[in-house]
């Protein structure tokens, strides 16, 4: 016991020593990832998507069909703006089907290997 007293200043053994909780500085609310759906009806709707992506804790699922049916030029402009900002944030952006785009923050990777085949049922 005198050895522990010299090192730790008391006679408590490691089994009986008290432990203190240390704050990590991590906000538990910010630790959650949100999948947020959006619908692009106009070019201006891209700003809402980009604001959420800049926060860094959201994945944007974007329906582009209304803008695609309305104005293809505006759609191309909106996609270019989304791509430029997502690239600057080191995130990923990909299309799924003809009418959906997914934009993610840097810590999420989009698999581009194609659809995963369904498992075959055994007879």
N, C-alpha and C. Protein backbone atom coordinates (compact mmCIF):
# COMPACT_ATOMS: atom_id res chain seq x y z
N UNK A 1 0.79 -1.21 0.00
CA UNK A 1 0.00 0.00 0.00
C UNK A 1 0.84 1.27 0.00
N UNK A 2 1.97 1.33 0.63
CA UNK A 2 2.74 2.57 0.62
C UNK A 2 3.12 3.00 -0.80
N UNK A 3 3.30 2.03 -1.69
CA UNK A 3 3.64 2.35 -3.08
C UNK A 3 2.54 3.19 -3.74
N UNK A 4 1.25 2.78 -3.55
CA UNK A 4 0.13 3.53 -4.11
C UNK A 4 -0.01 4.90 -3.46
N UNK A 5 0.32 4.95 -2.16
CA UNK A 5 0.22 6.23 -1.46
C UNK A 5 1.20 7.23 -2.04
N UNK A 6 2.40 6.76 -2.40
CA UNK A 6 3.39 7.66 -2.98
C UNK A 6 2.96 8.14 -4.36
N UNK A 7 2.40 7.26 -5.16
CA UNK A 7 2.03 7.63 -6.53
C UNK A 7 0.75 8.45 -6.58
N UNK A 8 -0.30 7.96 -5.90
CA UNK A 8 -1.60 8.60 -6.02
C UNK A 8 -1.95 9.53 -4.87
N UNK A 9 -1.17 9.54 -3.83
CA UNK A 9 -1.44 10.43 -2.73
C UNK A 9 -2.47 9.91 -1.75
N UNK A 10 -2.89 8.65 -1.88
CA UNK A 10 -3.82 8.05 -0.94
C UNK A 10 -3.57 6.56 -0.92
N UNK A 11 -4.26 5.91 0.00
CA UNK A 11 -4.08 4.47 0.12
C UNK A 11 -5.13 3.70 -0.66
N UNK A 12 -5.90 4.34 -1.52
CA UNK A 12 -6.92 3.63 -2.30
C UNK A 12 -6.26 2.78 -3.36
N UNK A 13 -6.72 1.58 -3.48
CA UNK A 13 -6.22 0.70 -4.53
C UNK A 13 -6.97 1.01 -5.82
N UNK A 14 -6.47 0.57 -6.96
CA UNK A 14 -7.19 0.83 -8.21
C UNK A 14 -8.60 0.28 -8.20
N UNK A 15 -8.85 -0.80 -7.43
CA UNK A 15 -10.19 -1.37 -7.38
C UNK A 15 -11.17 -0.46 -6.64
N UNK A 16 -10.68 0.29 -5.66
CA UNK A 16 -11.56 1.14 -4.86
C UNK A 16 -11.44 2.62 -5.22
N UNK A 17 -10.57 2.95 -6.15
CA UNK A 17 -10.39 4.35 -6.54
C UNK A 17 -11.66 4.87 -7.20
N UNK A 18 -11.92 6.14 -7.00
CA UNK A 18 -13.09 6.75 -7.61
C UNK A 18 -12.76 7.19 -9.02
N UNK A 19 -13.75 7.13 -9.90
CA UNK A 19 -13.59 7.55 -11.28
C UNK A 19 -14.46 8.76 -11.53
N UNK A 20 -13.97 9.67 -12.33
CA UNK A 20 -14.77 10.83 -12.70
C UNK A 20 -15.09 10.75 -14.18
N UNK A 21 -16.28 11.20 -14.52
CA UNK A 21 -16.72 11.19 -15.91
C UNK A 21 -16.19 12.44 -16.60
N UNK A 22 -15.61 12.26 -17.75
CA UNK A 22 -15.04 13.38 -18.50
C UNK A 22 -15.93 13.67 -19.70
N UNK A 23 -16.29 14.93 -19.85
CA UNK A 23 -17.10 15.34 -21.00
C UNK A 23 -16.25 15.28 -22.26
N UNK A 24 -16.79 14.71 -23.32
CA UNK A 24 -16.04 14.60 -24.57
C UNK A 24 -16.27 15.80 -25.47
N UNK A 25 -17.22 16.63 -25.12
CA UNK A 25 -17.50 17.80 -25.94
C UNK A 25 -18.39 17.46 -27.13
N UNK A 26 -18.82 16.22 -27.22
CA UNK A 26 -19.66 15.79 -28.34
C UNK A 26 -21.12 15.99 -27.97
N UNK A 27 -21.85 16.65 -28.84
CA UNK A 27 -23.27 16.87 -28.64
C UNK A 27 -24.01 15.65 -29.17
N UNK A 28 -24.75 14.96 -28.32
CA UNK A 28 -25.41 13.73 -28.75
C UNK A 28 -26.47 14.00 -29.80
N UNK A 29 -27.09 15.15 -29.79
CA UNK A 29 -28.09 15.47 -30.79
C UNK A 29 -27.44 15.60 -32.17
N UNK A 30 -26.26 16.16 -32.24
CA UNK A 30 -25.56 16.33 -33.51
C UNK A 30 -25.01 15.00 -34.04
N UNK A 31 -24.97 13.97 -33.20
CA UNK A 31 -24.45 12.68 -33.61
C UNK A 31 -25.42 11.92 -34.50
N UNK A 32 -26.65 12.36 -34.58
CA UNK A 32 -27.65 11.67 -35.40
C UNK A 32 -27.58 12.15 -36.84
N UNK A 33 -27.84 11.22 -37.74
CA UNK A 33 -27.87 11.54 -39.16
C UNK A 33 -29.32 11.54 -39.61
N UNK A 34 -29.69 12.55 -40.37
CA UNK A 34 -31.07 12.70 -40.83
C UNK A 34 -31.13 12.44 -42.32
N UNK A 35 -32.11 11.66 -42.75
CA UNK A 35 -32.40 11.49 -44.17
C UNK A 35 -33.55 12.43 -44.48
N UNK A 36 -33.26 13.48 -45.23
CA UNK A 36 -34.23 14.55 -45.45
C UNK A 36 -34.71 14.53 -46.90
N UNK A 37 -36.01 14.35 -47.15
CA UNK A 37 -36.53 14.38 -48.52
C UNK A 37 -36.79 15.82 -48.99
N UNK A 38 -36.52 16.06 -50.26
CA UNK A 38 -36.77 17.36 -50.89
C UNK A 38 -37.45 17.15 -52.23
N UNK A 39 -38.17 18.16 -52.68
CA UNK A 39 -38.76 18.16 -54.01
C UNK A 39 -38.30 19.44 -54.69
N UNK A 40 -37.64 19.30 -55.85
CA UNK A 40 -37.21 20.48 -56.61
C UNK A 40 -38.33 20.88 -57.56
N UNK A 41 -38.97 22.00 -57.24
CA UNK A 41 -40.01 22.55 -58.11
C UNK A 41 -39.47 23.73 -58.91
N UNK A 42 -38.50 24.44 -58.29
CA UNK A 42 -37.85 25.57 -58.95
C UNK A 42 -36.35 25.52 -58.64
N UNK A 43 -35.58 26.31 -59.36
CA UNK A 43 -34.14 26.38 -59.12
C UNK A 43 -33.85 26.86 -57.70
N UNK A 44 -34.66 27.74 -57.17
CA UNK A 44 -34.45 28.31 -55.84
C UNK A 44 -34.54 27.26 -54.73
N UNK A 45 -35.20 26.14 -54.99
CA UNK A 45 -35.32 25.08 -53.99
C UNK A 45 -33.96 24.44 -53.68
N UNK A 46 -32.97 24.62 -54.55
CA UNK A 46 -31.65 24.05 -54.30
C UNK A 46 -31.00 24.67 -53.05
N UNK A 47 -31.32 25.91 -52.75
CA UNK A 47 -30.71 26.55 -51.57
C UNK A 47 -31.12 25.85 -50.27
N UNK A 48 -32.35 25.36 -50.19
CA UNK A 48 -32.79 24.63 -49.00
C UNK A 48 -31.99 23.34 -48.84
N UNK A 49 -31.76 22.65 -49.95
CA UNK A 49 -30.99 21.41 -49.93
C UNK A 49 -29.56 21.69 -49.48
N UNK A 50 -28.96 22.72 -50.06
CA UNK A 50 -27.57 23.04 -49.75
C UNK A 50 -27.39 23.49 -48.31
N UNK A 51 -28.35 24.20 -47.76
CA UNK A 51 -28.27 24.61 -46.35
C UNK A 51 -28.22 23.39 -45.42
N UNK A 52 -29.03 22.40 -45.71
CA UNK A 52 -29.05 21.18 -44.89
C UNK A 52 -27.74 20.42 -45.04
N UNK A 53 -27.21 20.33 -46.26
CA UNK A 53 -25.96 19.61 -46.49
C UNK A 53 -24.78 20.30 -45.82
N UNK A 54 -24.79 21.61 -45.79
CA UNK A 54 -23.69 22.35 -45.15
C UNK A 54 -23.63 22.11 -43.65
N UNK A 55 -24.76 21.80 -43.03
CA UNK A 55 -24.76 21.48 -41.61
C UNK A 55 -23.97 20.20 -41.34
N UNK A 56 -23.94 19.30 -42.32
CA UNK A 56 -23.09 18.12 -42.23
C UNK A 56 -23.68 16.89 -41.60
N UNK A 57 -24.91 16.91 -41.14
CA UNK A 57 -25.49 15.75 -40.49
C UNK A 57 -26.76 15.28 -41.20
N UNK A 58 -26.84 15.50 -42.51
CA UNK A 58 -28.04 15.11 -43.24
C UNK A 58 -27.69 14.55 -44.61
N UNK A 59 -28.49 13.60 -45.03
CA UNK A 59 -28.44 13.06 -46.37
C UNK A 59 -29.69 13.56 -47.08
N UNK A 60 -29.51 14.16 -48.25
CA UNK A 60 -30.64 14.73 -48.99
C UNK A 60 -31.11 13.75 -50.05
N UNK A 61 -32.39 13.45 -50.02
CA UNK A 61 -33.05 12.62 -51.02
C UNK A 61 -33.93 13.57 -51.83
N UNK A 62 -33.55 13.81 -53.09
CA UNK A 62 -34.15 14.90 -53.87
C UNK A 62 -34.97 14.36 -55.04
N UNK A 63 -36.25 14.70 -55.07
CA UNK A 63 -37.13 14.34 -56.19
C UNK A 63 -37.05 15.47 -57.21
N UNK A 64 -36.55 15.16 -58.41
CA UNK A 64 -36.36 16.20 -59.43
C UNK A 64 -37.45 16.19 -60.50
N UNK A 65 -38.42 15.30 -60.39
CA UNK A 65 -39.43 15.14 -61.43
C UNK A 65 -40.22 16.43 -61.72
N UNK A 66 -40.69 17.19 -60.71
CA UNK A 66 -41.45 18.41 -61.02
C UNK A 66 -40.65 19.42 -61.84
N UNK A 67 -39.37 19.62 -61.50
CA UNK A 67 -38.54 20.57 -62.25
C UNK A 67 -38.18 20.00 -63.62
N UNK A 68 -38.00 18.70 -63.70
CA UNK A 68 -37.69 18.04 -64.97
C UNK A 68 -38.84 18.21 -65.96
N UNK A 69 -40.07 18.09 -65.48
CA UNK A 69 -41.25 18.26 -66.34
C UNK A 69 -41.48 19.72 -66.71
N UNK A 70 -41.04 20.62 -65.86
CA UNK A 70 -41.28 22.04 -66.06
C UNK A 70 -40.24 22.70 -66.95
N UNK A 71 -38.94 22.50 -66.62
CA UNK A 71 -37.87 23.20 -67.34
C UNK A 71 -36.56 22.43 -67.21
N UNK A 72 -36.15 21.76 -68.28
CA UNK A 72 -34.95 20.93 -68.26
C UNK A 72 -33.68 21.78 -68.09
N UNK A 73 -33.67 22.97 -68.65
CA UNK A 73 -32.51 23.85 -68.52
C UNK A 73 -32.30 24.25 -67.05
N UNK A 74 -33.38 24.60 -66.37
CA UNK A 74 -33.29 24.94 -64.95
C UNK A 74 -32.86 23.71 -64.13
N UNK A 75 -33.31 22.54 -64.53
CA UNK A 75 -32.91 21.32 -63.84
C UNK A 75 -31.41 21.09 -63.96
N UNK A 76 -30.87 21.25 -65.16
CA UNK A 76 -29.42 21.08 -65.35
C UNK A 76 -28.64 22.10 -64.53
N UNK A 77 -29.14 23.31 -64.47
CA UNK A 77 -28.51 24.36 -63.68
C UNK A 77 -28.54 24.02 -62.18
N UNK A 78 -29.68 23.51 -61.72
CA UNK A 78 -29.83 23.13 -60.32
C UNK A 78 -28.90 21.97 -59.96
N UNK A 79 -28.81 20.98 -60.83
CA UNK A 79 -27.95 19.84 -60.57
C UNK A 79 -26.48 20.27 -60.57
N UNK A 80 -26.11 21.16 -61.48
CA UNK A 80 -24.73 21.67 -61.51
C UNK A 80 -24.39 22.40 -60.21
N UNK A 81 -25.33 23.18 -59.70
CA UNK A 81 -25.09 23.90 -58.45
C UNK A 81 -24.97 22.92 -57.28
N UNK A 82 -25.84 21.91 -57.24
CA UNK A 82 -25.77 20.90 -56.20
C UNK A 82 -24.44 20.16 -56.26
N UNK A 83 -24.04 19.75 -57.45
CA UNK A 83 -22.79 19.00 -57.62
C UNK A 83 -21.58 19.83 -57.20
N UNK A 84 -21.56 21.09 -57.59
CA UNK A 84 -20.43 21.96 -57.24
C UNK A 84 -20.30 22.11 -55.73
N UNK A 85 -21.39 22.32 -55.05
CA UNK A 85 -21.36 22.50 -53.60
C UNK A 85 -21.03 21.19 -52.88
N UNK A 86 -21.61 20.08 -53.32
CA UNK A 86 -21.33 18.79 -52.70
C UNK A 86 -19.86 18.43 -52.89
N UNK A 87 -19.31 18.70 -54.05
CA UNK A 87 -17.88 18.47 -54.28
C UNK A 87 -17.02 19.32 -53.35
N UNK A 88 -17.41 20.58 -53.15
CA UNK A 88 -16.67 21.47 -52.25
C UNK A 88 -16.73 20.97 -50.80
N UNK A 89 -17.83 20.33 -50.43
CA UNK A 89 -17.99 19.78 -49.09
C UNK A 89 -17.38 18.38 -48.98
N UNK A 90 -16.78 17.91 -50.07
CA UNK A 90 -16.17 16.58 -50.17
C UNK A 90 -17.19 15.47 -49.95
N UNK A 91 -18.44 15.73 -50.34
CA UNK A 91 -19.50 14.74 -50.23
C UNK A 91 -19.67 13.97 -51.52
N UNK A 92 -20.80 13.29 -51.64
CA UNK A 92 -21.10 12.51 -52.84
C UNK A 92 -22.49 12.86 -53.33
N UNK A 93 -22.67 12.72 -54.64
CA UNK A 93 -23.98 12.93 -55.24
C UNK A 93 -24.16 11.89 -56.33
N UNK A 94 -25.37 11.32 -56.39
CA UNK A 94 -25.63 10.28 -57.38
C UNK A 94 -27.12 10.26 -57.70
N UNK A 95 -27.42 9.81 -58.92
CA UNK A 95 -28.80 9.67 -59.33
C UNK A 95 -29.27 8.23 -59.13
N UNK A 96 -30.51 8.09 -58.71
CA UNK A 96 -31.14 6.78 -58.59
C UNK A 96 -32.40 6.80 -59.43
N UNK A 97 -32.38 6.03 -60.50
CA UNK A 97 -33.52 6.06 -61.42
C UNK A 97 -33.51 7.35 -62.21
N UNK A 98 -34.66 7.70 -62.74
CA UNK A 98 -34.76 8.90 -63.58
C UNK A 98 -35.14 10.16 -62.80
N UNK A 99 -35.68 10.00 -61.60
CA UNK A 99 -36.26 11.16 -60.92
C UNK A 99 -35.75 11.42 -59.51
N UNK A 100 -34.72 10.73 -59.07
CA UNK A 100 -34.24 10.90 -57.70
C UNK A 100 -32.73 11.10 -57.69
N UNK A 101 -32.28 12.05 -56.88
CA UNK A 101 -30.85 12.30 -56.66
C UNK A 101 -30.60 12.21 -55.16
N UNK A 102 -29.46 11.63 -54.79
CA UNK A 102 -29.05 11.56 -53.39
C UNK A 102 -27.77 12.35 -53.24
N UNK A 103 -27.73 13.24 -52.25
CA UNK A 103 -26.54 14.02 -51.94
C UNK A 103 -26.18 13.76 -50.48
N UNK A 104 -24.88 13.46 -50.25
CA UNK A 104 -24.46 13.08 -48.91
C UNK A 104 -23.27 13.91 -48.44
N UNK A 105 -23.07 14.00 -47.12
CA UNK A 105 -21.87 14.66 -46.58
C UNK A 105 -20.64 13.78 -46.79
N UNK A 106 -19.50 14.27 -46.39
CA UNK A 106 -18.23 13.62 -46.67
C UNK A 106 -18.06 12.24 -46.03
N UNK A 107 -18.70 11.99 -44.89
CA UNK A 107 -18.50 10.72 -44.21
C UNK A 107 -19.41 9.60 -44.72
N UNK A 108 -20.24 9.87 -45.73
CA UNK A 108 -21.12 8.86 -46.31
C UNK A 108 -20.67 8.58 -47.73
N UNK A 109 -20.51 7.30 -48.04
CA UNK A 109 -20.10 6.90 -49.37
C UNK A 109 -21.28 6.27 -50.09
N UNK A 110 -21.48 6.65 -51.35
CA UNK A 110 -22.55 6.09 -52.16
C UNK A 110 -21.95 4.95 -52.99
N UNK A 111 -22.53 3.78 -52.88
CA UNK A 111 -22.07 2.63 -53.66
C UNK A 111 -22.54 2.79 -55.10
N UNK A 112 -21.63 2.67 -56.04
CA UNK A 112 -21.97 2.84 -57.44
C UNK A 112 -21.83 1.53 -58.22
N UNK A 113 -21.91 0.42 -57.53
CA UNK A 113 -21.74 -0.88 -58.16
C UNK A 113 -22.99 -1.43 -58.80
N UNK A 114 -24.07 -0.71 -58.81
CA UNK A 114 -25.32 -1.20 -59.37
C UNK A 114 -26.17 -1.85 -58.30
N UNK A 115 -27.35 -2.29 -58.69
CA UNK A 115 -28.26 -2.88 -57.70
C UNK A 115 -27.73 -4.22 -57.20
N UNK A 116 -28.05 -4.52 -55.95
CA UNK A 116 -27.66 -5.78 -55.34
C UNK A 116 -28.72 -6.81 -55.70
N UNK A 117 -28.32 -7.95 -56.27
CA UNK A 117 -29.34 -8.95 -56.63
C UNK A 117 -30.02 -9.52 -55.39
N UNK A 118 -31.31 -9.81 -55.54
CA UNK A 118 -32.06 -10.39 -54.43
C UNK A 118 -31.59 -11.81 -54.21
N UNK A 119 -31.58 -12.25 -52.95
CA UNK A 119 -31.16 -13.63 -52.69
C UNK A 119 -32.16 -14.62 -53.27
N UNK A 120 -31.63 -15.72 -53.80
CA UNK A 120 -32.50 -16.73 -54.38
C UNK A 120 -33.10 -17.58 -53.28
N UNK A 121 -34.38 -17.89 -53.43
CA UNK A 121 -35.06 -18.73 -52.45
C UNK A 121 -34.73 -20.19 -52.71
N UNK A 122 -34.51 -20.92 -51.63
CA UNK A 122 -34.24 -22.35 -51.76
C UNK A 122 -35.56 -23.09 -51.85
N UNK A 123 -35.56 -24.16 -52.66
CA UNK A 123 -36.77 -24.96 -52.81
C UNK A 123 -36.77 -26.16 -51.91
